[in-house]
Amino acid sequence: MPVGAVAGGIAVVIDVIRASTTIITALAHDAAGVIPTDAVEKARSRAAMLGGETLLGGERGAVRIDGFQLGNSPREYTREQVAGRPIVFTTTNGTAALAACQDAAVVLIGSLVNRTAVAAAARRAAARVAAQADPVAVHLVCAGVEGQVADEDLLGAGAIADAAQALFPDDALDQAAKEARAQFLTAAGHHTGAAAIAQLTASLASTEGGRRIVALGMQDDLPIVAALDAHQTVPIFDPTSGVLTPISAQNAL
């Protein structure tokens, strides 16, 4: 992503397999906050500084980092494990994409699992920012893999674009968003509900990211990351504290 590409706009960071899905799941299960970092040693230092009940979560090469309590599987972030506890979190691609969006006016986390909620939140954020300045764009930022576009993230972007069109039919999609939406609809088999989730699970298994976690024996993550609208939680990044928390009455858009 070019430097300044999202400056002043609304950035929705998407890493379907699996950082976005895991962050959303952690906050939906009442984690006290997720603190993203772009390096393993930074994560260790931040967790040591916070102390107490702080958890370390993340991966390198899709595998849990040595000494971390949690990896990057949403299945690990149960309410029993994370409720009330802050999580310092680092991943290969997702947290790097988040770091690249620091000049956006608002940074949200999106995925298949919160696609409708994040589409609505991004639109509210754009309206709020536009009330103070010129009209602003919503950028669907795909984390990708080592700088390359990842099909699974395009599916996430397409799902959010599809939800946005359903909610706000008068809003315009650019060509990239239209193409991502078409790819998502094809991957979902133009189904809804459980049939769409089943089709998306199969589609995700054929992507590079899907094949990687299947090879590592983590295929049970795929139906979880494919679960359209499983959560209403929308993480928002606070640039002052460096913490992701769910949009709520305290930080409503």
Foldseek 3Di string as FASTA:
>chain_A
DDQPPQAAAEEAEFDLLPQLPQLQLLQLLAAVWEFEDADDVVLVVVCVVVDDQEFEEEDELQDTDPPGPYYGFSVVNHSVNGHHYYYYYYYNFRSVQVVSNVNYPWYKYFAQQALLLVLVQSVVVQVVSCVVHPRHDYHYHYRDHPPDHWLRSLLGLLSNLVSNCVVPVVDDDDPSNVVSVVSNCVQLVVDDDPSSLVSVLVVLCPIPSNVSCVVVVNSVRSSSSSHGNNDSWMWIADPVVSITHTADPVNHD
